[in-house]
């Protein structure tokens, strides 16, 4: 099956390569000439513009966008709708906000272009391990695209599925990432406590390895944690600054809208925000208050 791919960053390029391995023809576009050349080196084809990409695909066309959420995705879909014909399909595989995906589905429907949102998990490991795909869209359209999802997933029958109508794929991925926030924070805090028990001189890498087999807390995230501790046991050179790409914020906002308590995910998000404040006014004020009411010492900078 032919597929157009927009966005040949590391994940997009890996997805294209996995499709090519599965016998699919991939035509890719990326503003970077080097990225386009990289696809050609992996037996794919490239196009120098969106118009050229569309022209190289036979109707009905299927085009997978793998670009950052927000304005870039908006602009890409708007540009594609000016080029595509009724019966063509846009698949948004990025981390778009599900309400944006609902809006994109409406824009596509007005042009009689199908829209599918695929929440995509797997990161840089997906090339070899396969991607977890949470797919939203019309059932018949998803079925027509089945060969694409089967090639990207860990196997044809596992790790992917249609979870609901348009918007449901990105909604499910949003919650997936919110859960991820909480799991990562729990591991980080647990290992921090272990590391602070200095009198035991615990080997965190060894403990992580023990937990990998038989423990109820074993997981792929633990495997990655073990790898990280093996490479850099003291995490030397890593700044305590954790970014977020939006899904945790959206998950917390949705929990509030639905009156669903989500204290763990919320706390994990707040901790990421806290990690970026290298000159915390709030912490300074806490120290000042303790000094005011109890005469507790204040440490000077």
Protein backbone atom coordinates (compact mmCIF):
# COMPACT_ATOMS: atom_id res chain seq x y z
CA UNK A 1 0.00 0.00 0.00
CA UNK A 2 1.24 3.50 -0.84
CA UNK A 3 1.52 6.10 1.90
CA UNK A 4 2.60 9.72 1.97
CA UNK A 5 4.57 10.71 5.07
CA UNK A 6 4.93 14.32 6.19
CA UNK A 7 7.56 14.92 8.86
CA UNK A 8 10.76 12.89 8.69
CA UNK A 9 12.16 13.61 12.12
CA UNK A 10 13.56 10.65 14.01
CA UNK A 11 10.21 9.05 14.81
CA UNK A 12 8.66 9.80 11.42
CA UNK A 13 11.72 8.47 9.64
CA UNK A 14 11.66 5.30 11.73
CA UNK A 15 7.98 4.77 10.97
CA UNK A 16 8.65 5.22 7.26
CA UNK A 17 11.48 2.71 7.46
CA UNK A 18 9.29 0.16 9.25
CA UNK A 19 6.63 0.53 6.55
CA UNK A 20 9.22 0.08 3.81
CA UNK A 21 10.44 -3.07 5.55
CA UNK A 22 6.84 -4.30 5.44
CA UNK A 23 6.70 -3.91 1.68
CA UNK A 24 4.88 -0.58 1.50
CA UNK A 25 5.79 2.28 -0.81
CA UNK A 26 6.48 5.46 1.17
CA UNK A 27 6.78 8.92 -0.33
CA UNK A 28 7.97 11.45 2.23
CA UNK A 29 8.16 15.20 2.56
CA UNK A 30 10.14 17.22 5.07
CA UNK A 31 11.49 20.80 4.80
CA UNK A 32 14.93 19.38 5.54
CA UNK A 33 16.78 18.19 2.48
CA UNK A 34 18.93 15.95 4.69
CA UNK A 35 15.80 14.26 6.08
CA UNK A 36 14.48 13.64 2.57
CA UNK A 37 17.84 12.21 1.54
CA UNK A 38 17.75 9.95 4.61
CA UNK A 39 14.46 8.47 3.46
CA UNK A 40 15.82 7.86 -0.02
CA UNK A 41 18.80 6.06 1.52
CA UNK A 42 16.30 3.70 3.19
CA UNK A 43 14.61 2.86 -0.15
CA UNK A 44 11.86 5.43 0.20
CA UNK A 45 10.93 8.20 -2.20
CA UNK A 46 10.90 11.90 -1.39
CA UNK A 47 9.09 14.99 -2.57
CA UNK A 48 10.28 18.58 -2.39
CA UNK A 49 6.86 20.04 -1.57
CA UNK A 50 3.40 19.03 -0.38
CA UNK A 51 2.09 19.45 -3.92
CA UNK A 52 4.80 17.16 -5.27
CA UNK A 53 4.01 14.61 -2.57
CA UNK A 54 0.32 14.56 -3.47
CA UNK A 55 1.15 14.28 -7.18
CA UNK A 56 3.29 11.17 -6.59
CA UNK A 57 0.49 9.24 -4.90
CA UNK A 58 -2.34 7.42 -6.65
CA UNK A 59 -5.92 8.11 -5.57
CA UNK A 60 -7.36 7.46 -3.11
CA UNK A 61 -4.36 8.91 -1.30
CA UNK A 62 -3.42 8.29 2.31
CA UNK A 63 -1.08 10.81 3.93
CA UNK A 64 0.33 10.42 7.44
CA UNK A 65 1.37 13.64 9.17
CA UNK A 66 4.04 13.33 11.87
CA UNK A 67 4.63 16.96 12.82
CA UNK A 68 4.41 18.91 16.12
CA UNK A 69 0.97 19.54 17.57
CA UNK A 70 -0.63 22.94 17.27
CA UNK A 71 0.06 25.52 14.60
CA UNK A 72 2.30 23.31 12.45
CA UNK A 73 -0.33 20.56 12.32
CA UNK A 74 -3.06 23.13 11.63
CA UNK A 75 -1.09 24.64 8.77
CA UNK A 76 -0.18 21.26 7.31
CA UNK A 77 -3.77 20.01 7.26
CA UNK A 78 -5.02 23.29 5.79
CA UNK A 79 -2.41 23.10 3.04
CA UNK A 80 -3.23 19.46 2.30
CA UNK A 81 -6.96 20.12 2.04
CA UNK A 82 -6.23 22.55 -0.80
CA UNK A 83 -4.46 19.73 -2.67
CA UNK A 84 -6.42 16.57 -1.91
CA UNK A 85 -9.53 15.17 -3.57
CA UNK A 86 -12.69 13.58 -2.13
CA UNK A 87 -11.95 10.07 -0.93
CA UNK A 88 -8.37 10.86 0.08
CA UNK A 89 -7.38 10.48 3.74
CA UNK A 90 -5.26 12.41 6.25
CA UNK A 91 -3.88 10.46 9.21
CA UNK A 92 -2.57 12.61 12.06
CA UNK A 93 -0.07 10.48 13.96
CA UNK A 94 1.34 13.28 16.10
CA UNK A 95 0.38 14.26 19.64
CA UNK A 96 -2.42 16.63 18.70
CA UNK A 97 -4.95 17.76 21.30
CA UNK A 98 -8.08 15.69 20.72
CA UNK A 99 -10.30 18.77 20.45
CA UNK A 100 -8.06 19.99 17.62
CA UNK A 101 -8.51 16.60 15.99
CA UNK A 102 -12.29 16.94 16.23
CA UNK A 103 -11.97 20.31 14.49
CA UNK A 104 -9.67 18.84 11.84
CA UNK A 105 -12.15 16.03 11.24
CA UNK A 106 -14.85 18.64 10.59
CA UNK A 107 -12.65 20.55 8.15
CA UNK A 108 -11.86 17.34 6.29
CA UNK A 109 -15.50 16.25 6.19
CA UNK A 110 -16.44 19.55 4.53
CA UNK A 111 -14.00 18.64 1.72
CA UNK A 112 -15.12 14.98 1.70
CA UNK A 113 -11.62 13.99 2.78
CA UNK A 114 -11.40 11.25 5.42
CA UNK A 115 -9.64 12.01 8.69
CA UNK A 116 -8.05 9.53 11.08
CA UNK A 117 -6.22 10.37 14.30
CA UNK A 118 -3.68 7.83 15.48
CA UNK A 119 -2.26 8.20 18.94
CA UNK A 120 1.22 6.77 18.51
CA UNK A 121 3.48 5.40 21.25
CA UNK A 122 6.83 3.70 20.92
CA UNK A 123 9.33 6.52 20.53
CA UNK A 124 12.73 5.73 19.10
CA UNK A 125 12.26 2.01 19.88
CA UNK A 126 9.29 1.60 17.56
CA UNK A 127 11.40 0.85 14.50
CA UNK A 128 12.31 -2.57 15.87
CA UNK A 129 9.68 -3.15 18.55
CA UNK A 130 6.66 -1.76 16.71
CA UNK A 131 4.34 1.09 17.65
CA UNK A 132 1.29 1.11 19.88
CA UNK A 133 -1.44 2.75 17.81
CA UNK A 134 -4.70 4.10 19.23
CA UNK A 135 -6.80 4.86 16.16
CA UNK A 136 -9.83 7.12 15.88
CA UNK A 137 -11.96 7.47 12.78
CA UNK A 138 -14.69 5.95 10.65
CA UNK A 139 -14.62 2.17 10.96
CA UNK A 140 -14.66 1.57 7.20
CA UNK A 141 -11.81 4.03 6.62
CA UNK A 142 -9.71 2.46 9.37
CA UNK A 143 -10.36 -0.98 7.88
CA UNK A 144 -9.17 0.25 4.48
CA UNK A 145 -5.97 1.47 6.13
CA UNK A 146 -5.49 -1.77 8.08
CA UNK A 147 -2.31 -2.79 6.17
CA UNK A 148 -0.61 0.42 7.33
CA UNK A 149 -1.47 -0.07 10.99
CA UNK A 150 -0.58 -3.76 10.88
CA UNK A 151 2.85 -2.95 9.48
CA UNK A 152 3.57 -0.32 12.14
CA UNK A 153 2.24 -2.26 15.13
CA UNK A 154 4.23 -4.88 17.07
CA UNK A 155 2.23 -7.50 15.17
CA UNK A 156 -0.75 -7.54 12.83
CA UNK A 157 -3.11 -8.47 15.66
CA UNK A 158 -1.54 -6.82 18.69
CA UNK A 159 -0.69 -3.32 19.85
CA UNK A 160 -3.17 -1.42 17.71
CA UNK A 161 -6.88 -0.95 17.22
CA UNK A 162 -9.69 1.43 16.40
CA UNK A 163 -10.79 2.86 19.74
CA UNK A 164 -13.65 5.04 18.50
CA UNK A 165 -14.62 7.86 16.14
CA UNK A 166 -12.37 10.73 15.09
CA UNK A 167 -10.81 12.34 18.14
CA UNK A 168 -10.90 9.14 20.20
CA UNK A 169 -7.39 8.13 19.15
CA UNK A 170 -5.75 11.30 20.40
CA UNK A 171 -7.94 11.37 23.50
CA UNK A 172 -6.77 7.86 24.39
CA UNK A 173 -3.13 8.78 23.74
CA UNK A 174 -3.53 11.87 25.93
CA UNK A 175 -4.64 9.72 28.87
CA UNK A 176 -1.88 7.20 28.07
CA UNK A 177 0.69 9.98 28.45
CA UNK A 178 -0.91 11.22 31.65
CA UNK A 179 -0.51 7.73 33.12
CA UNK A 180 3.08 7.76 31.88
CA UNK A 181 3.72 10.97 33.86
CA UNK A 182 2.56 9.30 37.07
CA UNK A 183 4.56 6.11 36.51
CA UNK A 184 7.74 8.01 35.71
CA UNK A 185 7.35 10.22 38.78
CA UNK A 186 6.85 7.20 41.06
CA UNK A 187 10.02 5.54 39.77
CA UNK A 188 11.96 8.81 40.10
CA UNK A 189 10.85 9.37 43.69
CA UNK A 190 11.45 5.77 44.73
CA UNK A 191 15.00 5.70 43.40
CA UNK A 192 15.66 9.11 44.96
CA UNK A 193 14.72 7.72 48.40
CA UNK A 194 16.96 4.70 47.84
CA UNK A 195 19.83 6.95 46.82
CA UNK A 196 19.49 9.14 49.91
CA UNK A 197 19.92 6.18 52.29
CA UNK A 198 23.67 6.72 52.27
CA UNK A 199 24.55 4.33 55.11
CA UNK A 200 23.37 1.36 53.01
CA UNK A 201 25.43 2.38 49.95
CA UNK A 202 22.73 0.94 47.70
CA UNK A 203 23.57 0.17 44.08
CA UNK A 204 20.57 1.63 42.23
CA UNK A 205 21.46 -0.09 38.98
CA UNK A 206 21.58 -3.46 40.73
CA UNK A 207 18.22 -2.84 42.39
CA UNK A 208 16.66 -1.86 39.09
CA UNK A 209 17.98 -5.08 37.55
CA UNK A 210 16.50 -7.13 40.40
CA UNK A 211 13.11 -5.49 39.92
CA UNK A 212 13.14 -6.29 36.20
CA UNK A 213 12.38 -9.97 36.88
CA UNK A 214 9.40 -11.13 38.90
CA UNK A 215 8.64 -7.81 40.60
CA UNK A 216 5.15 -6.34 40.46
CA UNK A 217 6.70 -2.99 39.47
CA UNK A 218 8.52 -4.35 36.40
CA UNK A 219 7.74 -2.53 33.17
CA UNK A 220 9.31 -1.18 30.01
CA UNK A 221 9.83 2.13 31.80
CA UNK A 222 11.80 0.24 34.45
CA UNK A 223 13.86 -1.38 31.70
CA UNK A 224 14.70 2.06 30.32
CA UNK A 225 15.47 3.31 33.84
CA UNK A 226 17.84 0.37 34.31
CA UNK A 227 19.60 1.20 31.06
CA UNK A 228 19.99 4.84 32.09
CA UNK A 229 21.42 3.94 35.50
CA UNK A 230 23.80 1.47 33.91
CA UNK A 231 25.18 4.14 31.59
CA UNK A 232 25.34 6.91 34.18
CA UNK A 233 24.85 5.70 37.79
CA UNK A 234 25.07 9.17 39.34
CA UNK A 235 23.27 10.93 36.45
CA UNK A 236 26.27 13.24 36.18
CA UNK A 237 25.84 16.09 33.74
CA UNK A 238 22.05 15.85 33.58
CA UNK A 239 20.21 19.00 34.61
CA UNK A 240 17.20 18.50 36.94
CA UNK A 241 14.91 20.12 34.37
CA UNK A 242 11.97 18.12 32.99
CA UNK A 243 9.99 19.37 30.01
CA UNK A 244 6.43 18.41 29.09
CA UNK A 245 4.90 18.28 25.65
CA UNK A 246 1.34 19.12 26.67
CA UNK A 247 -0.46 15.80 27.09
CA UNK A 248 -0.19 15.83 30.90
CA UNK A 249 -1.70 19.31 31.06
CA UNK A 250 -4.53 18.27 28.76
CA UNK A 251 -5.17 15.14 30.83
CA UNK A 252 -5.43 17.14 34.07
CA UNK A 253 -7.73 19.69 32.42
CA UNK A 254 -9.97 16.90 31.14
CA UNK A 255 -10.08 15.27 34.57
CA UNK A 256 -11.27 18.57 36.02
CA UNK A 257 -13.88 18.99 33.27
CA UNK A 258 -15.19 15.46 33.91
CA UNK A 259 -15.03 15.74 37.73
CA UNK A 260 -12.64 12.78 37.89
CA UNK A 261 -10.04 12.95 40.69
CA UNK A 262 -6.53 12.47 39.28
CA UNK A 263 -4.15 13.51 42.08
CA UNK A 264 -1.18 11.37 40.98
CA UNK A 265 -1.10 12.60 37.39
CA UNK A 266 -1.67 16.17 38.57
CA UNK A 267 1.16 15.98 41.10
CA UNK A 268 3.49 14.52 38.47
CA UNK A 269 2.71 17.42 36.14
CA UNK A 270 3.27 19.98 38.90
CA UNK A 271 6.63 18.38 39.74
CA UNK A 272 7.73 18.84 36.13
CA UNK A 273 6.79 22.50 36.30
CA UNK A 274 8.63 22.81 39.61
CA UNK A 275 11.79 21.32 38.13
CA UNK A 276 12.17 24.35 35.87
CA UNK A 277 12.23 26.94 38.65
CA UNK A 278 15.90 27.36 39.49
CA UNK A 279 15.18 30.50 41.52
CA UNK A 280 11.97 29.58 43.32
CA UNK A 281 10.28 32.61 44.88
CA UNK A 282 7.81 30.29 46.61
CA UNK A 283 10.58 28.34 48.37
CA UNK A 284 12.29 31.56 49.42
CA UNK A 285 9.01 32.84 50.85
CA UNK A 286 8.48 29.57 52.75
CA UNK A 287 11.91 29.99 54.35
CA UNK A 288 11.12 33.62 55.21
CA UNK A 289 7.80 32.64 56.86
CA UNK A 290 9.51 30.00 58.99
CA UNK A 291 12.00 32.64 60.10
CA UNK A 292 9.21 35.08 60.97
CA UNK A 293 7.10 32.76 63.11
CA UNK A 294 9.76 30.53 64.62
CA UNK A 295 13.07 32.26 64.19
CA UNK A 296 14.29 29.39 62.04
CA UNK A 297 17.57 30.07 60.27
CA UNK A 298 17.60 31.17 56.64
CA UNK A 299 20.28 29.83 54.36
CA UNK A 300 21.94 32.55 52.29
CA UNK A 301 22.58 32.12 48.58
